[in-house]
Amino acid sequence: MFCYNSSESIENMGLRGPKQLASRGLLISTAYPIYEEFWALAQGGRRGVLQKESDESRTVFRGANIPAEPDTIIALLESKTATEVREISRNSSWMAKQPFSPLTRCLPLLAEQFQDAKREKKFPNSDRRSSVAKKFWFLACALAGAQYGVSPRRAVNIIGPGKPEEIFGQPEWRSSLAKRKPKTARRKD
């Protein structure tokens, strides 16, 4: 995992301030797996799991049903400190079964940034059901930005408005193709 090094900040200075460390595409491609992991933690489902075989001492990657842990999500959203976030992550059986998931890898390391994101003015504080996806997307964007040394607000601003389903639903190349007029075949007489 890439982590921002503050000693490199002098090298990253441009004429009008620091150079952008992360592009929109990079942040979106980092945030979307984290967003999917939040939903998997909340809803459960069939996932790949590392299991040790009984007859041999090797580890195998197999598909298994992993139950949802909504209590873990609620505890993460209600946590007040970074140590609480690390403790919740450590005690989560879902995260223990998913050691290579993007959420499992980045959440304990970026617990302070996770708390900063929850304190942001733009963080959706509503308890409505429709706000759950918005909270997950905001936190995923903030964690993706934190991996590249970008503040939560800056990461959300770089990614821009929109729901992940809208962003990934119709790729830019597909929308540009839809705007073109189809070529008509010429008739030979």
N, C-alpha and C. Protein backbone atom coordinates (compact mmCIF):
# COMPACT_ATOMS: atom_id res chain seq x y z
N MET A 1 0.84 -1.16 0.00
CA MET A 1 0.00 0.00 0.00
C MET A 1 0.89 1.24 0.00
N PHE A 2 0.55 2.18 -0.80
CA PHE A 2 1.30 3.43 -0.89
C PHE A 2 0.89 4.33 0.26
N CYS A 3 1.86 4.89 0.93
CA CYS A 3 1.58 5.87 1.97
C CYS A 3 2.40 7.11 1.68
N TYR A 4 1.81 8.24 1.90
CA TYR A 4 2.42 9.53 1.61
C TYR A 4 3.57 9.81 2.57
N ASN A 5 4.68 10.27 2.05
CA ASN A 5 5.85 10.61 2.84
C ASN A 5 6.01 12.12 2.85
N SER A 6 5.97 12.74 4.02
CA SER A 6 6.01 14.20 4.10
C SER A 6 7.35 14.78 3.66
N SER A 7 8.45 14.00 3.68
CA SER A 7 9.74 14.52 3.24
C SER A 7 9.78 14.74 1.74
N GLU A 8 8.85 14.12 1.02
CA GLU A 8 8.79 14.30 -0.42
C GLU A 8 7.99 15.53 -0.82
N SER A 9 7.42 16.24 0.16
CA SER A 9 6.53 17.36 -0.15
C SER A 9 7.28 18.50 -0.84
N ILE A 10 8.54 18.70 -0.56
CA ILE A 10 9.31 19.77 -1.20
C ILE A 10 9.51 19.45 -2.67
N GLU A 11 9.74 18.18 -2.99
CA GLU A 11 9.93 17.78 -4.37
C GLU A 11 8.64 17.89 -5.18
N ASN A 12 7.51 17.85 -4.52
CA ASN A 12 6.22 17.87 -5.20
C ASN A 12 5.65 19.27 -5.36
N MET A 13 6.44 20.29 -5.13
CA MET A 13 5.95 21.67 -5.25
C MET A 13 6.01 22.12 -6.69
N GLY A 14 4.92 22.71 -7.15
CA GLY A 14 4.85 23.29 -8.47
C GLY A 14 4.94 24.81 -8.35
N LEU A 15 4.73 25.53 -9.43
CA LEU A 15 4.79 26.98 -9.40
C LEU A 15 3.65 27.59 -8.59
N ARG A 16 2.48 26.94 -8.60
CA ARG A 16 1.32 27.48 -7.90
C ARG A 16 0.90 26.63 -6.72
N GLY A 17 1.82 25.98 -6.08
CA GLY A 17 1.49 25.14 -4.93
C GLY A 17 1.89 23.70 -5.19
N PRO A 18 1.47 22.82 -4.30
CA PRO A 18 1.86 21.42 -4.46
C PRO A 18 1.22 20.77 -5.68
N LYS A 19 1.96 19.88 -6.30
CA LYS A 19 1.43 19.13 -7.43
C LYS A 19 0.40 18.13 -6.91
N GLN A 20 -0.57 17.85 -7.74
CA GLN A 20 -1.60 16.90 -7.35
C GLN A 20 -0.99 15.51 -7.27
N LEU A 21 -1.19 14.84 -6.14
CA LEU A 21 -0.61 13.52 -5.94
C LEU A 21 -1.47 12.40 -6.52
N ALA A 22 -2.76 12.64 -6.63
CA ALA A 22 -3.65 11.59 -7.09
C ALA A 22 -4.64 12.16 -8.10
N SER A 23 -4.80 11.46 -9.18
CA SER A 23 -5.77 11.88 -10.19
C SER A 23 -7.15 11.35 -9.84
N ARG A 24 -8.14 11.81 -10.55
CA ARG A 24 -9.52 11.37 -10.32
C ARG A 24 -9.65 9.88 -10.59
N GLY A 25 -9.08 9.42 -11.68
CA GLY A 25 -9.16 8.00 -12.02
C GLY A 25 -8.50 7.11 -10.98
N LEU A 26 -7.36 7.55 -10.47
CA LEU A 26 -6.65 6.77 -9.45
C LEU A 26 -7.47 6.70 -8.16
N LEU A 27 -8.04 7.83 -7.75
CA LEU A 27 -8.83 7.83 -6.53
C LEU A 27 -10.11 7.00 -6.67
N ILE A 28 -10.75 7.10 -7.82
CA ILE A 28 -11.97 6.31 -8.03
C ILE A 28 -11.66 4.82 -8.04
N SER A 29 -10.58 4.45 -8.72
CA SER A 29 -10.24 3.03 -8.78
C SER A 29 -9.76 2.49 -7.43
N THR A 30 -9.32 3.37 -6.55
CA THR A 30 -8.94 2.94 -5.20
C THR A 30 -10.16 2.95 -4.28
N ALA A 31 -11.07 3.91 -4.47
CA ALA A 31 -12.22 4.05 -3.58
C ALA A 31 -13.29 3.00 -3.83
N TYR A 32 -13.49 2.60 -5.07
CA TYR A 32 -14.60 1.69 -5.37
C TYR A 32 -14.47 0.33 -4.68
N PRO A 33 -13.29 -0.31 -4.65
CA PRO A 33 -13.20 -1.58 -3.90
C PRO A 33 -13.46 -1.41 -2.41
N ILE A 34 -13.05 -0.27 -1.85
CA ILE A 34 -13.32 -0.01 -0.43
C ILE A 34 -14.82 0.14 -0.21
N TYR A 35 -15.49 0.85 -1.12
CA TYR A 35 -16.94 1.01 -1.06
C TYR A 35 -17.64 -0.35 -1.13
N GLU A 36 -17.19 -1.21 -2.02
CA GLU A 36 -17.77 -2.55 -2.14
C GLU A 36 -17.54 -3.36 -0.87
N GLU A 37 -16.40 -3.17 -0.23
CA GLU A 37 -16.11 -3.89 1.01
C GLU A 37 -17.01 -3.41 2.15
N PHE A 38 -17.31 -2.12 2.21
CA PHE A 38 -18.25 -1.63 3.21
C PHE A 38 -19.61 -2.33 3.04
N TRP A 39 -20.07 -2.45 1.78
CA TRP A 39 -21.35 -3.12 1.53
C TRP A 39 -21.27 -4.60 1.87
N ALA A 40 -20.15 -5.24 1.55
CA ALA A 40 -19.99 -6.66 1.87
C ALA A 40 -20.00 -6.87 3.38
N LEU A 41 -19.40 -5.96 4.12
CA LEU A 41 -19.40 -6.04 5.58
C LEU A 41 -20.81 -5.83 6.12
N ALA A 42 -21.57 -4.96 5.49
CA ALA A 42 -22.93 -4.66 5.96
C ALA A 42 -23.93 -5.74 5.57
N GLN A 43 -23.77 -6.34 4.37
CA GLN A 43 -24.78 -7.26 3.87
C GLN A 43 -24.34 -8.72 3.82
N GLY A 44 -23.05 -8.97 3.90
CA GLY A 44 -22.56 -10.34 3.79
C GLY A 44 -22.56 -10.81 2.35
N GLY A 45 -22.37 -12.09 2.16
CA GLY A 45 -22.39 -12.65 0.81
C GLY A 45 -21.29 -13.66 0.60
N ARG A 46 -21.20 -14.16 -0.61
CA ARG A 46 -20.19 -15.15 -0.95
C ARG A 46 -18.90 -14.44 -1.33
N ARG A 47 -17.84 -14.79 -0.66
CA ARG A 47 -16.54 -14.14 -0.86
C ARG A 47 -15.45 -15.20 -0.89
N GLY A 48 -14.32 -14.83 -1.46
CA GLY A 48 -13.16 -15.71 -1.41
C GLY A 48 -12.50 -15.62 -0.05
N VAL A 49 -12.17 -16.76 0.53
CA VAL A 49 -11.60 -16.81 1.87
C VAL A 49 -10.37 -17.70 1.86
N LEU A 50 -9.37 -17.31 2.63
CA LEU A 50 -8.19 -18.17 2.80
C LEU A 50 -8.49 -19.21 3.86
N GLN A 51 -8.28 -20.48 3.51
CA GLN A 51 -8.52 -21.56 4.46
C GLN A 51 -7.32 -22.49 4.46
N LYS A 52 -7.00 -23.03 5.63
CA LYS A 52 -5.93 -24.02 5.72
C LYS A 52 -6.54 -25.40 5.54
N GLU A 53 -5.87 -26.20 4.73
CA GLU A 53 -6.33 -27.57 4.54
C GLU A 53 -5.88 -28.43 5.70
N SER A 54 -6.73 -29.38 6.08
CA SER A 54 -6.43 -30.20 7.26
C SER A 54 -5.32 -31.22 7.00
N ASP A 55 -5.27 -31.77 5.79
CA ASP A 55 -4.27 -32.81 5.53
C ASP A 55 -2.88 -32.25 5.25
N GLU A 56 -2.82 -31.03 4.75
CA GLU A 56 -1.52 -30.44 4.43
C GLU A 56 -1.40 -29.10 5.14
N SER A 57 -0.23 -28.58 5.12
CA SER A 57 -0.01 -27.30 5.79
C SER A 57 -0.02 -26.15 4.79
N ARG A 58 -0.84 -26.25 3.77
CA ARG A 58 -0.92 -25.18 2.79
C ARG A 58 -2.25 -24.43 2.92
N THR A 59 -2.25 -23.22 2.44
CA THR A 59 -3.42 -22.38 2.50
C THR A 59 -4.06 -22.31 1.12
N VAL A 60 -5.38 -22.41 1.08
CA VAL A 60 -6.11 -22.43 -0.18
C VAL A 60 -7.13 -21.29 -0.17
N PHE A 61 -7.33 -20.71 -1.32
CA PHE A 61 -8.32 -19.64 -1.48
C PHE A 61 -9.60 -20.26 -2.00
N ARG A 62 -10.67 -20.24 -1.20
CA ARG A 62 -11.94 -20.86 -1.58
C ARG A 62 -13.09 -19.89 -1.37
N GLY A 63 -14.16 -20.13 -2.10
CA GLY A 63 -15.36 -19.34 -1.92
C GLY A 63 -16.13 -19.81 -0.69
N ALA A 64 -16.62 -18.88 0.08
CA ALA A 64 -17.38 -19.23 1.28
C ALA A 64 -18.38 -18.11 1.56
N ASN A 65 -19.45 -18.48 2.23
CA ASN A 65 -20.42 -17.48 2.65
C ASN A 65 -19.92 -16.81 3.91
N ILE A 66 -19.80 -15.51 3.85
CA ILE A 66 -19.37 -14.75 5.02
C ILE A 66 -20.56 -13.95 5.50
N PRO A 67 -20.95 -14.15 6.76
CA PRO A 67 -22.12 -13.44 7.26
C PRO A 67 -21.84 -11.94 7.41
N ALA A 68 -22.91 -11.19 7.34
CA ALA A 68 -22.81 -9.74 7.50
C ALA A 68 -22.50 -9.40 8.96
N GLU A 69 -21.88 -8.26 9.15
CA GLU A 69 -21.61 -7.75 10.49
C GLU A 69 -22.10 -6.31 10.58
N PRO A 70 -23.41 -6.10 10.60
CA PRO A 70 -23.90 -4.73 10.70
C PRO A 70 -23.50 -4.04 12.00
N ASP A 71 -23.29 -4.84 13.05
CA ASP A 71 -22.86 -4.25 14.32
C ASP A 71 -21.47 -3.62 14.19
N THR A 72 -20.63 -4.23 13.38
CA THR A 72 -19.30 -3.66 13.15
C THR A 72 -19.40 -2.33 12.42
N ILE A 73 -20.27 -2.25 11.41
CA ILE A 73 -20.47 -1.00 10.68
C ILE A 73 -21.00 0.08 11.62
N ILE A 74 -21.98 -0.27 12.43
CA ILE A 74 -22.55 0.70 13.38
C ILE A 74 -21.49 1.16 14.36
N ALA A 75 -20.69 0.23 14.87
CA ALA A 75 -19.63 0.59 15.81
C ALA A 75 -18.58 1.50 15.15
N LEU A 76 -18.24 1.22 13.89
CA LEU A 76 -17.28 2.07 13.19
C LEU A 76 -17.83 3.48 13.00
N LEU A 77 -19.11 3.57 12.63
CA LEU A 77 -19.70 4.89 12.41
C LEU A 77 -19.90 5.66 13.72
N GLU A 78 -20.06 4.95 14.85
CA GLU A 78 -20.25 5.61 16.14
C GLU A 78 -18.95 5.80 16.91
N SER A 79 -17.85 5.28 16.42
CA SER A 79 -16.57 5.40 17.12
C SER A 79 -16.12 6.86 17.20
N LYS A 80 -15.42 7.17 18.27
CA LYS A 80 -14.96 8.54 18.51
C LYS A 80 -13.46 8.73 18.33
N THR A 81 -12.69 7.66 18.49
CA THR A 81 -11.24 7.79 18.41
C THR A 81 -10.66 6.76 17.42
N ALA A 82 -9.43 6.99 17.03
CA ALA A 82 -8.74 6.08 16.12
C ALA A 82 -8.44 4.74 16.79
N THR A 83 -8.17 4.75 18.08
CA THR A 83 -7.92 3.48 18.78
C THR A 83 -9.17 2.62 18.82
N GLU A 84 -10.35 3.25 18.92
CA GLU A 84 -11.60 2.48 18.87
C GLU A 84 -11.75 1.83 17.49
N VAL A 85 -11.42 2.55 16.44
CA VAL A 85 -11.52 2.00 15.09
C VAL A 85 -10.58 0.81 14.94
N ARG A 86 -9.37 0.93 15.44
CA ARG A 86 -8.41 -0.18 15.36
C ARG A 86 -8.90 -1.39 16.16
N GLU A 87 -9.47 -1.13 17.34
CA GLU A 87 -9.99 -2.21 18.19
C GLU A 87 -11.17 -2.92 17.51
N ILE A 88 -12.07 -2.15 16.92
CA ILE A 88 -13.21 -2.73 16.20
C ILE A 88 -12.72 -3.58 15.02
N SER A 89 -11.73 -3.06 14.30
CA SER A 89 -11.18 -3.82 13.17
C SER A 89 -10.52 -5.11 13.63
N ARG A 90 -9.82 -5.04 14.75
CA ARG A 90 -9.13 -6.21 15.28
C ARG A 90 -10.13 -7.28 15.75
N ASN A 91 -11.27 -6.86 16.30
CA ASN A 91 -12.25 -7.81 16.84
C ASN A 91 -13.26 -8.31 15.80
N SER A 92 -13.21 -7.80 14.61
CA SER A 92 -14.17 -8.18 13.58
C SER A 92 -13.79 -9.53 12.97
N SER A 93 -14.70 -10.48 13.05
CA SER A 93 -14.42 -11.80 12.44
C SER A 93 -14.46 -11.70 10.92
N TRP A 94 -15.26 -10.78 10.37
CA TRP A 94 -15.31 -10.58 8.93
C TRP A 94 -13.95 -10.13 8.42
N MET A 95 -13.34 -9.18 9.11
CA MET A 95 -12.03 -8.69 8.68
C MET A 95 -10.94 -9.73 8.90
N ALA A 96 -11.11 -10.57 9.92
CA ALA A 96 -10.14 -11.65 10.14
C ALA A 96 -10.19 -12.67 9.02
N LYS A 97 -11.39 -12.90 8.47
CA LYS A 97 -11.54 -13.84 7.37
C LYS A 97 -11.15 -13.23 6.02
N GLN A 98 -11.03 -11.92 5.97
CA GLN A 98 -10.70 -11.20 4.73
C GLN A 98 -9.39 -10.41 4.91
N PRO A 99 -8.26 -11.07 5.13
CA PRO A 99 -7.03 -10.32 5.43
C PRO A 99 -6.50 -9.48 4.27
N PHE A 100 -6.87 -9.83 3.04
CA PHE A 100 -6.35 -9.09 1.89
C PHE A 100 -7.36 -8.13 1.29
N SER A 101 -8.47 -7.92 1.96
CA SER A 101 -9.47 -6.99 1.45
C SER A 101 -8.95 -5.56 1.60
N PRO A 102 -9.32 -4.67 0.68
CA PRO A 102 -8.85 -3.28 0.77
C PRO A 102 -9.25 -2.60 2.07
N LEU A 103 -10.44 -2.89 2.55
CA LEU A 103 -10.91 -2.27 3.80
C LEU A 103 -10.12 -2.79 4.99
N THR A 104 -9.86 -4.08 5.03
CA THR A 104 -9.12 -4.67 6.14
C THR A 104 -7.69 -4.14 6.19
N ARG A 105 -7.09 -3.93 5.02
CA ARG A 105 -5.71 -3.46 4.98
C ARG A 105 -5.58 -1.98 5.35
N CYS A 106 -6.52 -1.15 4.88
CA CYS A 106 -6.31 0.29 5.06
C CYS A 106 -6.97 0.87 6.30
N LEU A 107 -8.04 0.28 6.80
CA LEU A 107 -8.76 0.88 7.92
C LEU A 107 -7.93 1.00 9.20
N PRO A 108 -7.23 -0.05 9.67
CA PRO A 108 -6.42 0.12 10.88
C PRO A 108 -5.27 1.12 10.69
N LEU A 109 -4.68 1.15 9.50
CA LEU A 109 -3.57 2.06 9.25
C LEU A 109 -4.01 3.52 9.13
N LEU A 110 -5.20 3.72 8.61
CA LEU A 110 -5.68 5.08 8.35
C LEU A 110 -6.85 5.44 9.27
N ALA A 111 -6.80 4.97 10.50
CA ALA A 111 -7.90 5.20 11.45
C ALA A 111 -8.08 6.68 11.76
N GLU A 112 -6.97 7.43 11.86
CA GLU A 112 -7.09 8.88 12.13
C GLU A 112 -7.80 9.59 10.98
N GLN A 113 -7.44 9.23 9.75
CA GLN A 113 -8.07 9.84 8.58
C GLN A 113 -9.55 9.43 8.48
N PHE A 114 -9.86 8.21 8.92
CA PHE A 114 -11.25 7.76 8.96
C PHE A 114 -12.06 8.65 9.91
N GLN A 115 -11.48 8.95 11.07
CA GLN A 115 -12.17 9.82 12.04
C GLN A 115 -12.27 11.25 11.50
N ASP A 116 -11.21 11.73 10.84
CA ASP A 116 -11.27 13.07 10.23
C ASP A 116 -12.38 13.15 9.19
N ALA A 117 -12.55 12.09 8.41
CA ALA A 117 -13.59 12.08 7.39
C ALA A 117 -14.98 12.15 8.01
N LYS A 118 -15.16 11.47 9.13
CA LYS A 118 -16.46 11.51 9.80
C LYS A 118 -16.74 12.90 10.39
N ARG A 119 -15.70 13.63 10.71
CA ARG A 119 -15.89 14.99 11.27
C ARG A 119 -16.03 16.05 10.19
N GLU A 120 -15.82 15.70 8.94
CA GLU A 120 -15.95 16.66 7.84
C GLU A 120 -17.35 17.25 7.77
N LYS A 121 -17.41 18.49 7.32
CA LYS A 121 -18.70 19.17 7.21
C LYS A 121 -19.59 18.51 6.15
N LYS A 122 -19.00 17.96 5.10
CA LYS A 122 -19.77 17.35 4.01
C LYS A 122 -20.17 15.90 4.28
N PHE A 123 -19.75 15.33 5.39
CA PHE A 123 -20.09 13.94 5.70
C PHE A 123 -21.59 13.85 5.97
N PRO A 124 -22.30 12.90 5.32
CA PRO A 124 -23.74 12.78 5.53
C PRO A 124 -24.07 12.26 6.93
N ASN A 125 -24.63 13.11 7.77
CA ASN A 125 -24.92 12.73 9.16
C ASN A 125 -26.32 12.18 9.37
N SER A 126 -27.12 12.14 8.34
CA SER A 126 -28.49 11.66 8.47
C SER A 126 -28.52 10.16 8.76
N ASP A 127 -29.53 9.74 9.51
CA ASP A 127 -29.69 8.32 9.81
C ASP A 127 -30.68 7.65 8.88
N ARG A 128 -31.07 8.35 7.82
CA ARG A 128 -32.00 7.75 6.86
C ARG A 128 -31.33 6.61 6.11
N ARG A 129 -32.16 5.71 5.66
CA ARG A 129 -31.66 4.54 4.94
C ARG A 129 -30.94 4.93 3.64
N SER A 130 -31.41 5.99 3.00
CA SER A 130 -30.80 6.43 1.75
C SER A 130 -29.42 7.05 1.95
N SER A 131 -29.08 7.39 3.18
CA SER A 131 -27.77 8.00 3.45
C SER A 131 -26.67 6.98 3.67
N VAL A 132 -27.01 5.73 3.80
CA VAL A 132 -26.00 4.70 4.06
C VAL A 132 -25.01 4.62 2.90
N ALA A 133 -25.51 4.56 1.68
CA ALA A 133 -24.63 4.49 0.51
C ALA A 133 -23.77 5.74 0.41
N LYS A 134 -24.35 6.89 0.74
CA LYS A 134 -23.58 8.15 0.69
C LYS A 134 -22.47 8.14 1.73
N LYS A 135 -22.75 7.62 2.92
CA LYS A 135 -21.72 7.53 3.96
C LYS A 135 -20.59 6.60 3.52
N PHE A 136 -20.97 5.43 2.98
CA PHE A 136 -19.96 4.47 2.54
C PHE A 136 -19.09 5.07 1.44
N TRP A 137 -19.69 5.78 0.48
CA TRP A 137 -18.93 6.36 -0.62
C TRP A 137 -18.02 7.47 -0.12
N PHE A 138 -18.52 8.31 0.77
CA PHE A 138 -17.70 9.40 1.33
C PHE A 138 -16.50 8.82 2.07
N LEU A 139 -16.73 7.81 2.91
CA LEU A 139 -15.63 7.21 3.67
C LEU A 139 -14.65 6.48 2.76
N ALA A 140 -15.17 5.83 1.73
CA ALA A 140 -14.28 5.14 0.77
C ALA A 140 -13.41 6.15 0.03
N CYS A 141 -13.99 7.27 -0.39
CA CYS A 141 -13.21 8.32 -1.06
C CYS A 141 -12.16 8.90 -0.12
N ALA A 142 -12.55 9.12 1.14
CA ALA A 142 -11.61 9.68 2.11
C ALA A 142 -10.45 8.72 2.38
N LEU A 143 -10.74 7.42 2.51
CA LEU A 143 -9.68 6.44 2.75
C LEU A 143 -8.78 6.29 1.52
N ALA A 144 -9.38 6.37 0.34
CA ALA A 144 -8.57 6.31 -0.89
C ALA A 144 -7.65 7.51 -0.97
N GLY A 145 -8.17 8.69 -0.64
CA GLY A 145 -7.34 9.89 -0.65
C GLY A 145 -6.24 9.83 0.40
N ALA A 146 -6.57 9.28 1.56
CA ALA A 146 -5.58 9.19 2.64
C ALA A 146 -4.40 8.31 2.25
N GLN A 147 -4.64 7.32 1.40
CA GLN A 147 -3.55 6.46 0.95
C GLN A 147 -2.54 7.22 0.11
N TYR A 148 -2.96 8.34 -0.48
CA TYR A 148 -2.08 9.15 -1.32
C TYR A 148 -1.77 10.51 -0.71
N GLY A 149 -2.06 10.68 0.59
CA GLY A 149 -1.72 11.91 1.28
C GLY A 149 -2.65 13.07 1.00
N VAL A 150 -3.87 12.78 0.59
CA VAL A 150 -4.85 13.82 0.26
C VAL A 150 -5.88 13.87 1.38
N SER A 151 -6.28 15.08 1.78
CA SER A 151 -7.27 15.22 2.84
C SER A 151 -8.62 14.67 2.38
N PRO A 152 -9.49 14.33 3.33
CA PRO A 152 -10.80 13.79 2.93
C PRO A 152 -11.59 14.72 2.02
N ARG A 153 -11.64 16.00 2.36
CA ARG A 153 -12.40 16.95 1.54
C ARG A 153 -11.80 17.06 0.14
N ARG A 154 -10.48 17.10 0.06
CA ARG A 154 -9.82 17.22 -1.24
C ARG A 154 -10.08 15.97 -2.09
N ALA A 155 -10.04 14.79 -1.46
CA ALA A 155 -10.29 13.55 -2.19
C ALA A 155 -11.72 13.53 -2.75
N VAL A 156 -12.68 13.95 -1.94
CA VAL A 156 -14.07 13.98 -2.40
C VAL A 156 -14.24 15.01 -3.51
N ASN A 157 -13.56 16.15 -3.40
CA ASN A 157 -13.64 17.18 -4.44
C ASN A 157 -12.99 16.71 -5.75
N ILE A 158 -11.88 15.99 -5.65
CA ILE A 158 -11.21 15.49 -6.86
C ILE A 158 -12.11 14.48 -7.58
N ILE A 159 -12.73 13.58 -6.82
CA ILE A 159 -13.61 12.58 -7.43
C ILE A 159 -14.85 13.24 -8.00
N GLY A 160 -15.35 14.24 -7.32
CA GLY A 160 -16.49 14.99 -7.84
C GLY A 160 -17.81 14.38 -7.45
N PRO A 161 -18.89 15.01 -7.90
CA PRO A 161 -20.22 14.54 -7.51
C PRO A 161 -20.59 13.25 -8.24
N GLY A 162 -21.56 12.58 -7.69
CA GLY A 162 -22.08 11.38 -8.33
C GLY A 162 -22.01 10.18 -7.43
N LYS A 163 -22.88 9.26 -7.71
CA LYS A 163 -22.91 8.00 -6.98
C LYS A 163 -21.98 7.02 -7.70
N PRO A 164 -21.42 6.07 -6.96
CA PRO A 164 -20.54 5.11 -7.62
C PRO A 164 -21.24 4.33 -8.73
N GLU A 165 -22.52 4.06 -8.56
CA GLU A 165 -23.27 3.35 -9.59
C GLU A 165 -23.35 4.18 -10.86
N GLU A 166 -23.46 5.50 -10.71
CA GLU A 166 -23.49 6.38 -11.88
C GLU A 166 -22.12 6.47 -12.53
N ILE A 167 -21.08 6.54 -11.71
CA ILE A 167 -19.72 6.67 -12.23
C ILE A 167 -19.32 5.42 -12.99
N PHE A 168 -19.63 4.25 -12.44
CA PHE A 168 -19.21 2.99 -13.06
C PHE A 168 -20.28 2.40 -13.96
N GLY A 169 -21.50 2.95 -13.90
CA GLY A 169 -22.59 2.41 -14.70
C GLY A 169 -22.37 2.59 -16.18
N GLN A 170 -21.89 3.76 -16.58
CA GLN A 170 -21.66 4.03 -18.00
C GLN A 170 -20.29 4.67 -18.14
N PRO A 171 -19.29 3.91 -18.56
CA PRO A 171 -17.95 4.47 -18.73
C PRO A 171 -17.95 5.62 -19.73
N GLU A 172 -16.97 6.52 -19.58
CA GLU A 172 -16.88 7.70 -20.44
C GLU A 172 -16.75 7.33 -21.91
N TRP A 173 -16.00 6.29 -22.22
CA TRP A 173 -15.82 5.92 -23.62
C TRP A 173 -17.14 5.44 -24.21
N ARG A 174 -17.99 4.81 -23.39
CA ARG A 174 -19.26 4.32 -23.90
C ARG A 174 -20.21 5.49 -24.16
N SER A 175 -20.19 6.51 -23.30
CA SER A 175 -21.08 7.66 -23.51
C SER A 175 -20.65 8.48 -24.71
N SER A 176 -19.34 8.55 -24.98
CA SER A 176 -18.89 9.29 -26.16
C SER A 176 -19.25 8.56 -27.44
N LEU A 177 -19.28 7.23 -27.40
CA LEU A 177 -19.68 6.46 -28.56
C LEU A 177 -21.18 6.60 -28.83
N ALA A 178 -21.96 6.74 -27.77
CA ALA A 178 -23.40 6.86 -27.93
C ALA A 178 -23.79 8.18 -28.58
N LYS A 179 -22.96 9.21 -28.44
CA LYS A 179 -23.26 10.52 -29.00
C LYS A 179 -23.01 10.57 -30.51
N ARG A 180 -22.16 9.69 -31.01
CA ARG A 180 -21.84 9.69 -32.44
C ARG A 180 -23.00 9.15 -33.25
N LYS A 181 -23.14 9.67 -34.43
CA LYS A 181 -24.16 9.16 -35.34
C LYS A 181 -23.61 7.91 -36.02
N PRO A 182 -24.44 6.90 -36.16
CA PRO A 182 -23.96 5.70 -36.84
C PRO A 182 -23.75 5.98 -38.33
N LYS A 183 -22.74 5.31 -38.88
CA LYS A 183 -22.46 5.48 -40.30
C LYS A 183 -23.51 4.73 -41.10
N THR A 184 -23.97 5.37 -42.14
CA THR A 184 -24.94 4.70 -43.02
C THR A 184 -24.20 4.14 -44.21
N ALA A 185 -24.63 3.01 -44.64
CA ALA A 185 -23.98 2.35 -45.77
C ALA A 185 -24.46 3.01 -47.07
N ARG A 186 -23.54 3.23 -47.97
CA ARG A 186 -23.89 3.80 -49.27
C ARG A 186 -24.37 2.70 -50.21
N ARG A 187 -25.37 3.04 -50.92
CA ARG A 187 -25.92 2.07 -51.86
C ARG A 187 -25.18 2.17 -53.19
N LYS A 188 -24.80 1.04 -53.70
CA LYS A 188 -24.16 1.01 -55.01
C LYS A 188 -25.22 0.69 -56.06
N ASP A 189 -25.32 1.52 -57.04
CA ASP A 189 -26.30 1.29 -58.10
C ASP A 189 -25.70 0.64 -59.30
